[in-house]
């Protein structure tokens, strides 16, 4: 089995989506005030949202780049 660069990019994008899903799940189930009374969970949610936009932009730019290449 030969691994093409586009296969590696697909794997990275899938891993990014899985990581973002995991971050959102962790952020929604963690009691941040038990860790530190001064912590603000909105900061963690903004970071995860920013990463979500980044991965979405990568996915949206991946499909036009691979159009017509057979992969």
PDB file of N, CA and C in Angstrom:
ATOM      1  N   UNK A   1       0.838  -1.172   0.000  1.00  0.00           N
ATOM      2  CA  UNK A   1       0.000   0.000   0.000  1.00  0.00           C
ATOM      3  C   UNK A   1       0.884   1.237   0.000  1.00  0.00           C
ATOM      4  N   UNK A   2       0.667   2.106  -0.953  1.00  0.00           N
ATOM      5  CA  UNK A   2       1.422   3.342  -1.048  1.00  0.00           C
ATOM      6  C   UNK A   2       0.584   4.476  -0.476  1.00  0.00           C
ATOM      7  N   UNK A   3       1.224   5.266   0.359  1.00  0.00           N
ATOM      8  CA  UNK A   3       0.537   6.393   0.966  1.00  0.00           C
ATOM      9  C   UNK A   3       0.841   7.652   0.164  1.00  0.00           C
ATOM     10  N   UNK A   4      -0.179   8.238  -0.424  1.00  0.00           N
ATOM     11  CA  UNK A   4      -0.023   9.457  -1.202  1.00  0.00           C
ATOM     12  C   UNK A   4      -0.131  10.665  -0.276  1.00  0.00           C
ATOM     13  N   UNK A   5       0.429  11.799  -0.682  1.00  0.00           N
ATOM     14  CA  UNK A   5       0.321  12.999   0.172  1.00  0.00           C
ATOM     15  C   UNK A   5      -1.120  13.372   0.502  1.00  0.00           C
ATOM     16  N   UNK A   6      -2.033  13.176  -0.451  1.00  0.00           N
ATOM     17  CA  UNK A   6      -3.422  13.523  -0.158  1.00  0.00           C
ATOM     18  C   UNK A   6      -4.016  12.604   0.914  1.00  0.00           C
ATOM     19  N   UNK A   7      -3.532  11.351   0.991  1.00  0.00           N
ATOM     20  CA  UNK A   7      -3.989  10.450   2.055  1.00  0.00           C
ATOM     21  C   UNK A   7      -3.511  10.943   3.420  1.00  0.00           C
ATOM     22  N   UNK A   8      -2.297  11.456   3.464  1.00  0.00           N
ATOM     23  CA  UNK A   8      -1.770  11.997   4.717  1.00  0.00           C
ATOM     24  C   UNK A   8      -2.566  13.232   5.141  1.00  0.00           C
ATOM     25  N   UNK A   9      -2.918  14.061   4.181  1.00  0.00           N
ATOM     26  CA  UNK A   9      -3.702  15.261   4.489  1.00  0.00           C
ATOM     27  C   UNK A   9      -5.078  14.860   5.002  1.00  0.00           C
ATOM     28  N   UNK A  10      -5.690  13.858   4.388  1.00  0.00           N
ATOM     29  CA  UNK A  10      -6.989  13.376   4.871  1.00  0.00           C
ATOM     30  C   UNK A  10      -6.877  12.891   6.311  1.00  0.00           C
ATOM     31  N   UNK A  11      -5.821  12.156   6.605  1.00  0.00           N
ATOM     32  CA  UNK A  11      -5.629  11.640   7.966  1.00  0.00           C
ATOM     33  C   UNK A  11      -5.452  12.789   8.961  1.00  0.00           C
ATOM     34  N   UNK A  12      -4.718  13.816   8.573  1.00  0.00           N
ATOM     35  CA  UNK A  12      -4.520  14.972   9.453  1.00  0.00           C
ATOM     36  C   UNK A  12      -5.839  15.703   9.679  1.00  0.00           C
ATOM     37  N   UNK A  13      -6.641  15.857   8.636  1.00  0.00           N
ATOM     38  CA  UNK A  13      -7.931  16.530   8.783  1.00  0.00           C
ATOM     39  C   UNK A  13      -8.876  15.735   9.667  1.00  0.00           C
ATOM     40  N   UNK A  14      -8.886  14.423   9.509  1.00  0.00           N
ATOM     41  CA  UNK A  14      -9.730  13.572  10.350  1.00  0.00           C
ATOM     42  C   UNK A  14      -9.271  13.646  11.802  1.00  0.00           C
ATOM     43  N   UNK A  15      -7.956  13.639  12.019  1.00  0.00           N
ATOM     44  CA  UNK A  15      -7.431  13.767  13.381  1.00  0.00           C
ATOM     45  C   UNK A  15      -7.789  15.123  13.979  1.00  0.00           C
ATOM     46  N   UNK A  16      -7.774  16.166  13.161  1.00  0.00           N
ATOM     47  CA  UNK A  16      -8.156  17.492  13.636  1.00  0.00           C
ATOM     48  C   UNK A  16      -9.611  17.538  14.063  1.00  0.00           C
ATOM     49  N   UNK A  17     -10.478  16.936  13.273  1.00  0.00           N
ATOM     50  CA  UNK A  17     -11.902  16.898  13.625  1.00  0.00           C
ATOM     51  C   UNK A  17     -12.100  16.096  14.914  1.00  0.00           C
ATOM     52  N   UNK A  18     -11.393  14.993  15.050  1.00  0.00           N
ATOM     53  CA  UNK A  18     -11.509  14.181  16.265  1.00  0.00           C
ATOM     54  C   UNK A  18     -11.003  14.954  17.484  1.00  0.00           C
ATOM     55  N   UNK A  19      -9.917  15.695  17.333  1.00  0.00           N
ATOM     56  CA  UNK A  19      -9.375  16.476  18.442  1.00  0.00           C
ATOM     57  C   UNK A  19     -10.335  17.589  18.849  1.00  0.00           C
ATOM     58  N   UNK A  20     -10.923  18.257  17.870  1.00  0.00           N
ATOM     59  CA  UNK A  20     -11.876  19.322  18.167  1.00  0.00           C
ATOM     60  C   UNK A  20     -13.110  18.756  18.871  1.00  0.00           C
ATOM     61  N   UNK A  21     -13.581  17.610  18.413  1.00  0.00           N
ATOM     62  CA  UNK A  21     -14.723  16.961  19.061  1.00  0.00           C
ATOM     63  C   UNK A  21     -14.391  16.623  20.508  1.00  0.00           C
ATOM     64  N   UNK A  22     -13.200  16.093  20.725  1.00  0.00           N
ATOM     65  CA  UNK A  22     -12.764  15.772  22.084  1.00  0.00           C
ATOM     66  C   UNK A  22     -12.664  17.003  22.969  1.00  0.00           C
ATOM     67  N   UNK A  23     -12.131  18.095  22.425  1.00  0.00           N
ATOM     68  CA  UNK A  23     -12.035  19.327  23.205  1.00  0.00           C
ATOM     69  C   UNK A  23     -13.404  19.865  23.592  1.00  0.00           C
ATOM     70  N   UNK A  24     -14.341  19.825  22.653  1.00  0.00           N
ATOM     71  CA  UNK A  24     -15.688  20.300  22.964  1.00  0.00           C
ATOM     72  C   UNK A  24     -16.353  19.418  24.023  1.00  0.00           C
ATOM     73  N   UNK A  25     -16.124  18.108  23.952  1.00  0.00           N
ATOM     74  CA  UNK A  25     -16.696  17.201  24.948  1.00  0.00           C
ATOM     75  C   UNK A  25     -16.074  17.452  26.325  1.00  0.00           C
ATOM     76  N   UNK A  26     -14.759  17.635  26.363  1.00  0.00           N
ATOM     77  CA  UNK A  26     -14.084  17.904  27.636  1.00  0.00           C
ATOM     78  C   UNK A  26     -14.565  19.229  28.226  1.00  0.00           C
ATOM     79  N   UNK A  27     -14.666  20.248  27.376  1.00  0.00           N
ATOM     80  CA  UNK A  27     -15.099  21.558  27.858  1.00  0.00           C
ATOM     81  C   UNK A  27     -16.531  21.549  28.375  1.00  0.00           C
ATOM     82  N   UNK A  28     -17.366  20.688  27.821  1.00  0.00           N
ATOM     83  CA  UNK A  28     -18.761  20.664  28.254  1.00  0.00           C
ATOM     84  C   UNK A  28     -18.972  19.818  29.511  1.00  0.00           C
ATOM     85  N   UNK A  29     -18.025  18.950  29.855  1.00  0.00           N
ATOM     86  CA  UNK A  29     -18.214  18.085  31.016  1.00  0.00           C
ATOM     87  C   UNK A  29     -17.318  18.429  32.203  1.00  0.00           C
ATOM     88  N   UNK A  30     -16.356  19.324  32.025  1.00  0.00           N
ATOM     89  CA  UNK A  30     -15.417  19.651  33.100  1.00  0.00           C
ATOM     90  C   UNK A  30     -15.994  20.727  34.012  1.00  0.00           C
ATOM     91  N   UNK A  31     -15.826  20.530  35.313  1.00  0.00           N
ATOM     92  CA  UNK A  31     -16.199  21.549  36.295  1.00  0.00           C
ATOM     93  C   UNK A  31     -14.961  22.408  36.543  1.00  0.00           C
ATOM     94  N   UNK A  32     -14.848  23.484  35.798  1.00  0.00           N
ATOM     95  CA  UNK A  32     -13.655  24.321  35.861  1.00  0.00           C
ATOM     96  C   UNK A  32     -13.506  25.030  37.205  1.00  0.00           C
ATOM     97  N   UNK A  33     -14.614  25.328  37.866  1.00  0.00           N
ATOM     98  CA  UNK A  33     -14.534  26.007  39.158  1.00  0.00           C
ATOM     99  C   UNK A  33     -13.991  25.098  40.246  1.00  0.00           C
ATOM    100  N   UNK A  34     -14.106  23.787  40.091  1.00  0.00           N
ATOM    101  CA  UNK A  34     -13.507  22.858  41.047  1.00  0.00           C
ATOM    102  C   UNK A  34     -11.985  22.856  40.903  1.00  0.00           C
ATOM    103  N   UNK A  35     -11.498  23.113  39.695  1.00  0.00           N
ATOM    104  CA  UNK A  35     -10.054  23.164  39.477  1.00  0.00           C
ATOM    105  C   UNK A  35      -9.464  24.447  40.046  1.00  0.00           C
ATOM    106  N   UNK A  36     -10.119  25.559  39.769  1.00  0.00           N
ATOM    107  CA  UNK A  36      -9.679  26.856  40.258  1.00  0.00           C
ATOM    108  C   UNK A  36     -10.883  27.791  40.268  1.00  0.00           C
ATOM    109  N   UNK A  37     -11.122  28.446  41.373  1.00  0.00           N
ATOM    110  CA  UNK A  37     -12.285  29.345  41.426  1.00  0.00           C
ATOM    111  C   UNK A  37     -12.178  30.530  40.458  1.00  0.00           C
ATOM    112  N   UNK A  38     -10.981  30.874  40.063  1.00  0.00           N
ATOM    113  CA  UNK A  38     -10.783  32.015  39.172  1.00  0.00           C
ATOM    114  C   UNK A  38     -10.815  31.641  37.692  1.00  0.00           C
ATOM    115  N   UNK A  39     -10.979  30.377  37.381  1.00  0.00           N
ATOM    116  CA  UNK A  39     -10.971  29.972  35.973  1.00  0.00           C
ATOM    117  C   UNK A  39     -12.290  30.315  35.302  1.00  0.00           C
ATOM    118  N   UNK A  40     -12.190  30.688  34.046  1.00  0.00           N
ATOM    119  CA  UNK A  40     -13.367  31.039  33.263  1.00  0.00           C
ATOM    120  C   UNK A  40     -13.466  30.077  32.082  1.00  0.00           C
ATOM    121  N   UNK A  41     -14.474  29.217  32.056  1.00  0.00           N
ATOM    122  CA  UNK A  41     -14.583  28.216  30.989  1.00  0.00           C
ATOM    123  C   UNK A  41     -14.795  28.825  29.611  1.00  0.00           C
ATOM    124  N   UNK A  42     -15.234  30.075  29.555  1.00  0.00           N
ATOM    125  CA  UNK A  42     -15.467  30.688  28.247  1.00  0.00           C
ATOM    126  C   UNK A  42     -14.152  30.807  27.465  1.00  0.00           C
ATOM    127  N   UNK A  43     -13.042  30.941  28.158  1.00  0.00           N
ATOM    128  CA  UNK A  43     -11.740  31.028  27.482  1.00  0.00           C
ATOM    129  C   UNK A  43     -11.439  29.725  26.750  1.00  0.00           C
ATOM    130  N   UNK A  44     -11.693  28.609  27.405  1.00  0.00           N
ATOM    131  CA  UNK A  44     -11.444  27.311  26.786  1.00  0.00           C
ATOM    132  C   UNK A  44     -12.381  27.069  25.606  1.00  0.00           C
ATOM    133  N   UNK A  45     -13.614  27.527  25.726  1.00  0.00           N
ATOM    134  CA  UNK A  45     -14.572  27.370  24.627  1.00  0.00           C
ATOM    135  C   UNK A  45     -14.201  28.235  23.434  1.00  0.00           C
ATOM    136  N   UNK A  46     -13.689  29.431  23.682  1.00  0.00           N
ATOM    137  CA  UNK A  46     -13.250  30.305  22.588  1.00  0.00           C
ATOM    138  C   UNK A  46     -12.056  29.679  21.863  1.00  0.00           C
ATOM    139  N   UNK A  47     -11.139  29.099  22.612  1.00  0.00           N
ATOM    140  CA  UNK A  47      -9.985  28.432  21.988  1.00  0.00           C
ATOM    141  C   UNK A  47     -10.439  27.267  21.119  1.00  0.00           C
ATOM    142  N   UNK A  48     -11.347  26.451  21.630  1.00  0.00           N
ATOM    143  CA  UNK A  48     -11.848  25.315  20.854  1.00  0.00           C
ATOM    144  C   UNK A  48     -12.609  25.791  19.622  1.00  0.00           C
ATOM    145  N   UNK A  49     -13.357  26.882  19.758  1.00  0.00           N
ATOM    146  CA  UNK A  49     -14.075  27.433  18.618  1.00  0.00           C
ATOM    147  C   UNK A  49     -13.108  27.955  17.559  1.00  0.00           C
ATOM    148  N   UNK A  50     -12.036  28.612  17.996  1.00  0.00           N
ATOM    149  CA  UNK A  50     -11.021  29.080  17.061  1.00  0.00           C
ATOM    150  C   UNK A  50     -10.366  27.937  16.313  1.00  0.00           C
ATOM    151  N   UNK A  51     -10.058  26.860  17.019  1.00  0.00           N
ATOM    152  CA  UNK A  51      -9.498  25.684  16.358  1.00  0.00           C
ATOM    153  C   UNK A  51     -10.504  25.053  15.401  1.00  0.00           C
ATOM    154  N   UNK A  52     -11.784  25.104  15.761  1.00  0.00           N
ATOM    155  CA  UNK A  52     -12.821  24.575  14.871  1.00  0.00           C
ATOM    156  C   UNK A  52     -12.859  25.349  13.558  1.00  0.00           C
ATOM    157  N   UNK A  53     -12.776  26.671  13.640  1.00  0.00           N
ATOM    158  CA  UNK A  53     -12.761  27.486  12.423  1.00  0.00           C
ATOM    159  C   UNK A  53     -11.529  27.192  11.579  1.00  0.00           C
ATOM    160  N   UNK A  54     -10.382  26.993  12.233  1.00  0.00           N
ATOM    161  CA  UNK A  54      -9.147  26.692  11.515  1.00  0.00           C
ATOM    162  C   UNK A  54      -9.252  25.363  10.773  1.00  0.00           C
ATOM    163  N   UNK A  55      -9.735  24.333  11.453  1.00  0.00           N
ATOM    164  CA  UNK A  55      -9.875  23.020  10.812  1.00  0.00           C
ATOM    165  C   UNK A  55     -10.919  23.080   9.700  1.00  0.00           C
ATOM    166  N   UNK A  56     -11.987  23.829   9.915  1.00  0.00           N
ATOM    167  CA  UNK A  56     -13.005  23.979   8.865  1.00  0.00           C
ATOM    168  C   UNK A  56     -12.420  24.672   7.637  1.00  0.00           C
ATOM    169  N   UNK A  57     -11.587  25.685   7.846  1.00  0.00           N
ATOM    170  CA  UNK A  57     -10.947  26.363   6.717  1.00  0.00           C
ATOM    171  C   UNK A  57     -10.005  25.417   5.977  1.00  0.00           C
ATOM    172  N   UNK A  58      -9.292  24.586   6.706  1.00  0.00           N
ATOM    173  CA  UNK A  58      -8.415  23.603   6.054  1.00  0.00           C
ATOM    174  C   UNK A  58      -9.224  22.610   5.234  1.00  0.00           C
ATOM    175  N   UNK A  59     -10.333  22.159   5.780  1.00  0.00           N
ATOM    176  CA  UNK A  59     -11.172  21.198   5.051  1.00  0.00           C
ATOM    177  C   UNK A  59     -11.755  21.844   3.805  1.00  0.00           C
ATOM    178  N   UNK A  60     -12.244  23.077   3.942  1.00  0.00           N
ATOM    179  CA  UNK A  60     -12.839  23.756   2.783  1.00  0.00           C
ATOM    180  C   UNK A  60     -11.813  24.078   1.702  1.00  0.00           C
ATOM    181  N   UNK A  61     -10.561  24.279   2.069  1.00  0.00           N
ATOM    182  CA  UNK A  61      -9.534  24.526   1.053  1.00  0.00           C
ATOM    183  C   UNK A  61      -8.964  23.225   0.488  1.00  0.00           C
ATOM    184  N   UNK A  62      -9.153  22.109   1.205  1.00  0.00           N
ATOM    185  CA  UNK A  62      -8.639  20.824   0.731  1.00  0.00           C
ATOM    186  C   UNK A  62      -9.402  20.327  -0.486  1.00  0.00           C
ATOM    187  N   UNK A  63     -10.730  20.423  -0.452  1.00  0.00           N
ATOM    188  CA  UNK A  63     -11.529  19.864  -1.539  1.00  0.00           C
ATOM    189  C   UNK A  63     -11.293  20.549  -2.883  1.00  0.00           C
ATOM    190  N   UNK A  64     -11.243  21.862  -2.983  1.00  0.00           N
ATOM    191  CA  UNK A  64     -10.936  22.468  -4.286  1.00  0.00           C
ATOM    192  C   UNK A  64      -9.509  22.143  -4.761  1.00  0.00           C
ATOM    193  N   UNK A  65      -8.593  21.971  -3.826  1.00  0.00           N
ATOM    194  CA  UNK A  65      -7.210  21.672  -4.206  1.00  0.00           C
ATOM    195  C   UNK A  65      -7.070  20.275  -4.782  1.00  0.00           C
ATOM    196  N   UNK A  66      -7.935  19.344  -4.376  1.00  0.00           N
ATOM    197  CA  UNK A  66      -7.829  17.968  -4.858  1.00  0.00           C
ATOM    198  C   UNK A  66      -8.802  17.655  -5.992  1.00  0.00           C
ATOM    199  N   UNK A  67      -9.604  18.614  -6.365  1.00  0.00           N
ATOM    200  CA  UNK A  67     -10.596  18.384  -7.436  1.00  0.00           C
ATOM    201  C   UNK A  67      -9.872  18.079  -8.738  1.00  0.00           C
ATOM    202  N   UNK A  68     -10.247  17.011  -9.379  1.00  0.00           N
ATOM    203  CA  UNK A  68      -9.699  16.651 -10.677  1.00  0.00           C
ATOM    204  C   UNK A  68      -8.379  15.893 -10.610  1.00  0.00           C
ATOM    205  N   UNK A  69      -7.924  15.512  -9.419  1.00  0.00           N
ATOM    206  CA  UNK A  69      -6.660  14.780  -9.315  1.00  0.00           C
ATOM    207  C   UNK A  69      -6.853  13.275  -9.127  1.00  0.00           C
ATOM    208  N   UNK A  70      -8.083  12.850  -9.021  1.00  0.00           N
ATOM    209  CA  UNK A  70      -8.362  11.421  -8.914  1.00  0.00           C
ATOM    210  C   UNK A  70      -8.296  10.872  -7.516  1.00  0.00           C
ATOM    211  N   UNK A  71      -7.976  11.677  -6.507  1.00  0.00           N
ATOM    212  CA  UNK A  71      -7.951  11.211  -5.115  1.00  0.00           C
ATOM    213  C   UNK A  71      -9.060  11.812  -4.349  1.00  0.00           C
TER     214      UNK A  71
END
